[in-house]
C-alpha cells in the first residue's frame, strides 16, 4: 500500500512539473482519499451486510441487541475503528482499511512535498522504532491490531510502519529498475524473489503466532516485493498478464468476506462432526 501511494504521489508530482501547474496539496489529498473510498466502499458495504446477517442468524440475541450492534457497526462502515471508536467487529480484517485511509491521509502530502527527506530519513526511523516497539510488547509479534495502547490501536502503528516500508521499497525498486542486469543476475533476482514469498507463505501456514519470526518475514516480503515491482526478474514476463490483474481485483472482496465464511465453516463442521478437534 505504501509502494502504491508513493507511486501515485510521484506520478502526480511529475505531471505537475511537466505541465507547470502548481500542486494544491490539500486538494490532491482529498481527491486521493475520495478515489480510495470510491474503489473500496462498493465491496465493503455488501461484505458488512453479509457478515452482520450471518452473525444474527447464528446468534441468539434479541432485536434490541441486534439494533445496538448495527449502530455500533457504523464506525466500521466509515472506517473509523483505528481512531479509537468502538465497533461491532463484523469484519475482523476491516481494521486495515481504517489504518490505510488514516496513514494515506497523513503521508500523501509529505510524499508530494518531501519525498526524498521522508524516504531517506523519516521512513527508516519510523519502521525501526515501531517494529522495535512491537518486539518488546505483548507477544513480540506484529499481530493483535486491535490492542489499545492507551493512545492508539496497534493496527494504526502497524499501518504507519508497513506503509513507510512500502515507500522505501518504491525508492529501491526505482533504483533497481534503472540498472541493467545480465541473464544470470536476473535469474538470481528471481530465485531470491520467489524464495522470499515461499518462505513467508510456509511460515504463515505452519508456524504458530507465538513462535513467529514476524520481522524476518516482513523483511523477506520487503525484498521480494521490491524485486517484483522493479520488473527486473524473470517473473515480470510471467505475471504481466490480464489474468493476474483480474486476480488482484478479486483479492479485495475475498479479503473482506473470508472472516465470516471461515467462522461459519467452523460451525458447520462442528455440527457435522461433534467432538472433532477445533479447526
Protein backbone atom coordinates (compact mmCIF):
# COMPACT_ATOMS: atom_id res chain seq x y z
CA UNK A 1 0.00 0.00 0.00
CA UNK A 2 2.86 2.38 0.79
CA UNK A 3 4.51 1.49 -2.50
CA UNK A 4 1.37 2.30 -4.49
CA UNK A 5 0.75 5.50 -2.53
CA UNK A 6 4.25 6.75 -3.29
CA UNK A 7 3.91 5.73 -6.93
CA UNK A 8 0.74 7.81 -7.17
CA UNK A 9 2.43 10.80 -5.49
CA UNK A 10 5.45 10.51 -7.82
CA UNK A 11 3.24 10.40 -10.90
CA UNK A 12 1.15 13.36 -9.76
CA UNK A 13 4.22 15.43 -8.91
CA UNK A 14 5.88 14.63 -12.26
CA UNK A 15 2.71 15.61 -14.14
CA UNK A 16 2.57 18.93 -12.29
CA UNK A 17 6.23 19.67 -13.05
CA UNK A 18 5.82 18.77 -16.73
CA UNK A 19 2.74 20.94 -17.19
CA UNK A 20 3.96 23.77 -14.98
CA UNK A 21 0.83 23.62 -12.79
CA UNK A 22 1.32 24.18 -9.07
CA UNK A 23 0.02 21.43 -6.83
CA UNK A 24 -2.85 22.06 -4.45
CA UNK A 25 -1.53 19.67 -1.78
CA UNK A 26 -4.67 19.52 0.35
CA UNK A 27 -6.98 19.29 -2.64
CA UNK A 28 -4.85 16.46 -4.03
CA UNK A 29 -5.03 14.71 -0.66
CA UNK A 30 -8.82 14.85 -0.61
CA UNK A 31 -9.01 13.58 -4.19
CA UNK A 32 -6.71 10.69 -3.33
CA UNK A 33 -8.84 9.65 -0.33
CA UNK A 34 -12.05 10.01 -2.34
CA UNK A 35 -10.59 7.77 -5.04
CA UNK A 36 -9.62 5.11 -2.49
CA UNK A 37 -13.01 5.21 -0.77
CA UNK A 38 -14.92 5.01 -4.07
CA UNK A 39 -12.88 1.94 -5.04
CA UNK A 40 -13.36 0.09 -1.74
CA UNK A 41 -16.84 1.07 -0.47
CA UNK A 42 -18.79 -0.91 -3.13
CA UNK A 43 -17.09 -4.05 -1.78
CA UNK A 44 -17.10 -3.11 1.90
CA UNK A 45 -20.84 -2.41 2.22
CA UNK A 46 -22.06 -5.81 0.89
CA UNK A 47 -19.39 -7.58 2.96
CA UNK A 48 -20.61 -5.83 6.12
CA UNK A 49 -24.23 -6.71 5.34
CA UNK A 50 -23.37 -10.38 4.80
CA UNK A 51 -21.22 -10.55 7.93
CA UNK A 52 -23.96 -8.92 10.05
CA UNK A 53 -26.62 -11.21 8.58
CA UNK A 54 -24.70 -14.38 9.36
CA UNK A 55 -23.87 -13.17 12.87
CA UNK A 56 -27.53 -12.58 13.65
CA UNK A 57 -28.61 -15.88 12.10
CA UNK A 58 -26.25 -17.88 14.29
CA UNK A 59 -26.65 -15.78 17.44
CA UNK A 60 -29.49 -15.89 19.94
CA UNK A 61 -29.56 -12.16 20.59
CA UNK A 62 -32.79 -10.19 20.79
CA UNK A 63 -33.91 -7.40 18.49
CA UNK A 64 -32.63 -4.67 20.83
CA UNK A 65 -29.15 -6.18 20.87
CA UNK A 66 -29.20 -6.55 17.10
CA UNK A 67 -30.10 -2.87 16.69
CA UNK A 68 -27.32 -1.90 19.07
CA UNK A 69 -24.79 -3.90 17.09
CA UNK A 70 -25.96 -2.34 13.82
CA UNK A 71 -25.49 1.15 15.26
CA UNK A 72 -22.06 0.15 16.59
CA UNK A 73 -21.25 -1.08 13.10
CA UNK A 74 -21.32 2.46 11.70
CA UNK A 75 -17.68 3.21 12.66
CA UNK A 76 -16.74 0.08 10.71
CA UNK A 77 -18.70 1.25 7.67
CA UNK A 78 -16.90 4.62 7.74
CA UNK A 79 -13.51 3.04 8.63
CA UNK A 80 -13.19 4.90 11.92
CA UNK A 81 -12.01 1.93 14.03
CA UNK A 82 -8.35 2.94 14.22
CA UNK A 83 -9.32 6.37 15.59
CA UNK A 84 -10.47 4.51 18.70
CA UNK A 85 -14.22 4.32 18.12
CA UNK A 86 -15.81 1.13 19.41
CA UNK A 87 -17.37 -1.02 16.71
CA UNK A 88 -19.19 -4.30 16.25
CA UNK A 89 -16.27 -6.02 14.55
CA UNK A 90 -18.39 -7.63 11.84
CA UNK A 91 -15.27 -7.99 9.65
CA UNK A 92 -12.19 -8.62 11.75
CA UNK A 93 -9.79 -7.58 8.97
CA UNK A 94 -11.55 -4.28 8.25
CA UNK A 95 -9.23 -2.56 10.75
CA UNK A 96 -6.69 -2.49 7.91
CA UNK A 97 -8.91 -0.29 5.71
CA UNK A 98 -9.21 2.20 8.57
CA UNK A 99 -5.42 2.22 9.02
CA UNK A 100 -4.96 2.51 5.24
CA UNK A 101 -7.14 5.61 4.97
CA UNK A 102 -5.62 7.31 8.02
CA UNK A 103 -2.00 6.67 7.10
CA UNK A 104 -2.58 7.55 3.43
CA UNK A 105 -4.13 10.85 4.50
CA UNK A 106 -1.11 11.56 6.73
CA UNK A 107 1.62 10.51 4.29
CA UNK A 108 0.38 11.66 0.88
CA UNK A 109 1.03 15.41 1.40
CA UNK A 110 4.51 14.58 2.75
CA UNK A 111 5.26 12.41 -0.29
CA UNK A 112 4.11 15.18 -2.62
CA UNK A 113 6.36 17.76 -0.97
CA UNK A 114 9.18 15.96 0.85
CA UNK A 115 9.64 12.58 -0.82
CA UNK A 116 13.44 12.41 -0.52
CA UNK A 117 13.54 13.51 3.13
CA UNK A 118 10.81 11.07 4.08
CA UNK A 119 12.34 8.06 2.32
CA UNK A 120 15.93 8.69 3.45
CA UNK A 121 15.25 9.91 6.98
CA UNK A 122 11.75 9.63 8.46
CA UNK A 123 10.59 6.33 6.94
CA UNK A 124 13.55 4.16 8.13
CA UNK A 125 13.27 5.58 11.64
CA UNK A 126 9.51 5.01 11.78
CA UNK A 127 9.92 1.42 10.58
CA UNK A 128 12.67 0.60 13.10
CA UNK A 129 11.10 2.36 16.09
CA UNK A 130 7.61 0.91 15.57
CA UNK A 131 8.69 -2.65 14.82
CA UNK A 132 11.21 -2.44 17.68
CA UNK A 133 8.38 -1.33 19.97
CA UNK A 134 6.28 -4.29 18.82
CA UNK A 135 9.13 -6.70 19.53
CA UNK A 136 9.19 -5.51 23.17
CA UNK A 137 5.42 -5.55 23.83
CA UNK A 138 2.67 -8.17 24.03
CA UNK A 139 3.88 -11.37 22.34
CA UNK A 140 6.70 -9.70 20.44
CA UNK A 141 4.94 -10.04 17.08
CA UNK A 142 3.05 -7.69 14.77
CA UNK A 143 -0.38 -9.28 15.22
CA UNK A 144 -3.20 -8.17 17.58
CA UNK A 145 -4.03 -4.99 15.59
CA UNK A 146 -6.99 -4.11 17.85
CA UNK A 147 -4.89 -3.93 21.02
CA UNK A 148 -5.35 -0.48 22.58
CA UNK A 149 -2.09 1.08 23.77
CA UNK A 150 -3.81 3.91 25.61
CA UNK A 151 -3.30 6.46 22.84
CA UNK A 152 -3.91 4.46 19.65
CA UNK A 153 -4.53 0.96 18.34
CA UNK A 154 -1.61 -1.28 17.46
CA UNK A 155 -3.03 -1.57 13.95
CA UNK A 156 -2.54 2.14 13.31
CA UNK A 157 1.14 1.94 14.24
CA UNK A 158 1.41 -1.20 12.13
CA UNK A 159 -0.07 0.69 9.19
CA UNK A 160 2.43 3.54 9.59
CA UNK A 161 5.38 1.14 9.74
CA UNK A 162 4.20 -1.05 6.87
CA UNK A 163 3.37 1.80 4.52
CA UNK A 164 6.63 3.59 5.36
CA UNK A 165 8.44 0.38 4.44
CA UNK A 166 6.45 0.33 1.20
CA UNK A 167 7.71 3.84 0.39
CA UNK A 168 11.29 2.64 0.89
CA UNK A 169 10.51 -0.35 -1.35
CA UNK A 170 9.33 2.02 -4.09
CA UNK A 171 12.54 4.07 -3.95
CA UNK A 172 14.73 0.94 -4.06
CA UNK A 173 12.77 -0.70 -6.87
CA UNK A 174 13.09 2.52 -8.87
CA UNK A 175 16.88 2.27 -8.47
CA UNK A 176 16.89 -1.39 -9.49
CA UNK A 177 14.67 -0.62 -12.49
CA UNK A 178 17.28 1.78 -13.89
CA UNK A 179 20.08 -0.81 -13.64
CA UNK A 180 20.92 -3.22 -16.45
CA UNK A 181 21.20 -6.87 -15.37
CA UNK A 182 22.65 -9.88 -17.16
CA UNK A 183 20.57 -13.05 -17.58
CA UNK A 184 22.42 -14.72 -14.70
CA UNK A 185 21.81 -11.73 -12.43
CA UNK A 186 18.13 -11.75 -13.35
CA UNK A 187 17.99 -15.46 -12.52
CA UNK A 188 19.48 -14.72 -9.07
CA UNK A 189 16.93 -11.93 -8.52
CA UNK A 190 14.13 -14.31 -9.48
CA UNK A 191 15.39 -17.00 -7.10
CA UNK A 192 15.60 -14.51 -4.21
CA UNK A 193 12.16 -13.12 -5.07
CA UNK A 194 10.39 -16.50 -5.06
CA UNK A 195 12.33 -17.77 -2.05
CA UNK A 196 11.06 -14.82 0.00
CA UNK A 197 7.44 -15.44 -0.98
CA UNK A 198 7.62 -19.21 -0.43
CA UNK A 199 9.30 -18.93 2.98
CA UNK A 200 6.71 -16.34 4.04
CA UNK A 201 3.75 -18.48 2.92
CA UNK A 202 5.18 -21.61 4.56
CA UNK A 203 5.77 -19.69 7.81
CA UNK A 204 2.30 -18.13 7.89
CA UNK A 205 0.61 -21.50 7.33
CA UNK A 206 2.62 -23.77 9.62
CA UNK A 207 4.17 -21.63 12.39
CA UNK A 208 2.12 -20.67 15.47
CA UNK A 209 1.81 -16.94 16.11
CA UNK A 210 3.56 -17.05 19.46
CA UNK A 211 6.61 -18.61 17.87
CA UNK A 212 6.59 -16.44 14.78
CA UNK A 213 9.52 -14.57 13.35
CA UNK A 214 7.34 -11.77 12.07
CA UNK A 215 10.12 -9.27 11.49
CA UNK A 216 12.15 -11.70 9.40
CA UNK A 217 9.05 -12.45 7.31
CA UNK A 218 8.39 -8.73 6.85
CA UNK A 219 11.97 -8.29 5.66
CA UNK A 220 11.69 -11.21 3.21
CA UNK A 221 8.43 -9.84 1.80
CA UNK A 222 10.01 -6.38 1.57
CA UNK A 223 12.87 -7.79 -0.52
CA UNK A 224 10.57 -9.89 -2.72
CA UNK A 225 8.05 -7.10 -3.33
CA UNK A 226 10.86 -4.67 -4.20
CA UNK A 227 12.27 -7.10 -6.77
CA UNK A 228 8.81 -7.88 -8.19
CA UNK A 229 7.88 -4.23 -8.73
CA UNK A 230 11.27 -3.43 -10.25
CA UNK A 231 10.39 -5.62 -13.23
CA UNK A 232 13.97 -6.88 -13.49
CA UNK A 233 13.36 -10.52 -12.53
CA UNK A 234 12.07 -13.21 -14.88
CA UNK A 235 8.69 -13.13 -13.14
CA UNK A 236 7.88 -9.80 -14.82
CA UNK A 237 7.09 -11.51 -18.13
CA UNK A 238 5.15 -14.26 -16.34
CA UNK A 239 2.84 -12.06 -14.28
CA UNK A 240 2.34 -9.13 -16.65
CA UNK A 241 -0.92 -10.58 -17.93
CA UNK A 242 -4.59 -9.64 -17.74
CA UNK A 243 -5.50 -12.73 -15.67
CA UNK A 244 -3.30 -11.55 -12.80
CA UNK A 245 -4.89 -8.09 -12.90
CA UNK A 246 -8.28 -9.80 -12.51
CA UNK A 247 -6.98 -11.93 -9.64
CA UNK A 248 -5.68 -8.79 -7.96
CA UNK A 249 -9.11 -7.17 -8.24
CA UNK A 250 -10.76 -10.32 -6.89
CA UNK A 251 -8.47 -10.32 -3.85
CA UNK A 252 -10.29 -7.34 -2.27
CA UNK A 253 -13.76 -8.95 -2.00
CA UNK A 254 -12.10 -12.22 -0.93
CA UNK A 255 -10.17 -10.33 1.77
CA UNK A 256 -13.31 -8.62 3.07
CA UNK A 257 -15.54 -11.72 3.08
CA UNK A 258 -13.29 -14.54 4.26
CA UNK A 259 -13.73 -13.87 8.01
CA UNK A 260 -17.41 -14.77 8.37
CA UNK A 261 -17.06 -17.59 5.82
CA UNK A 262 -14.27 -19.09 7.96
CA UNK A 263 -16.31 -18.81 11.14
CA UNK A 264 -19.40 -20.36 9.56
CA UNK A 265 -17.33 -23.23 8.16
CA UNK A 266 -16.16 -23.92 11.71
CA UNK A 267 -19.76 -24.01 12.92
CA UNK A 268 -20.79 -26.27 10.06
CA UNK A 269 -18.08 -28.84 10.65
CA UNK A 270 -18.54 -28.75 14.41
CA UNK A 271 -22.21 -29.65 13.89
CA UNK A 272 -21.44 -32.38 11.36
CA UNK A 273 -18.57 -33.85 13.35
CA UNK A 274 -19.27 -33.48 17.06
CA UNK A 275 -16.17 -33.95 19.13
CA UNK A 276 -13.85 -33.20 16.23
CA UNK A 277 -10.79 -31.08 17.03
CA UNK A 278 -11.18 -27.34 16.54
CA UNK A 279 -10.18 -26.08 13.08
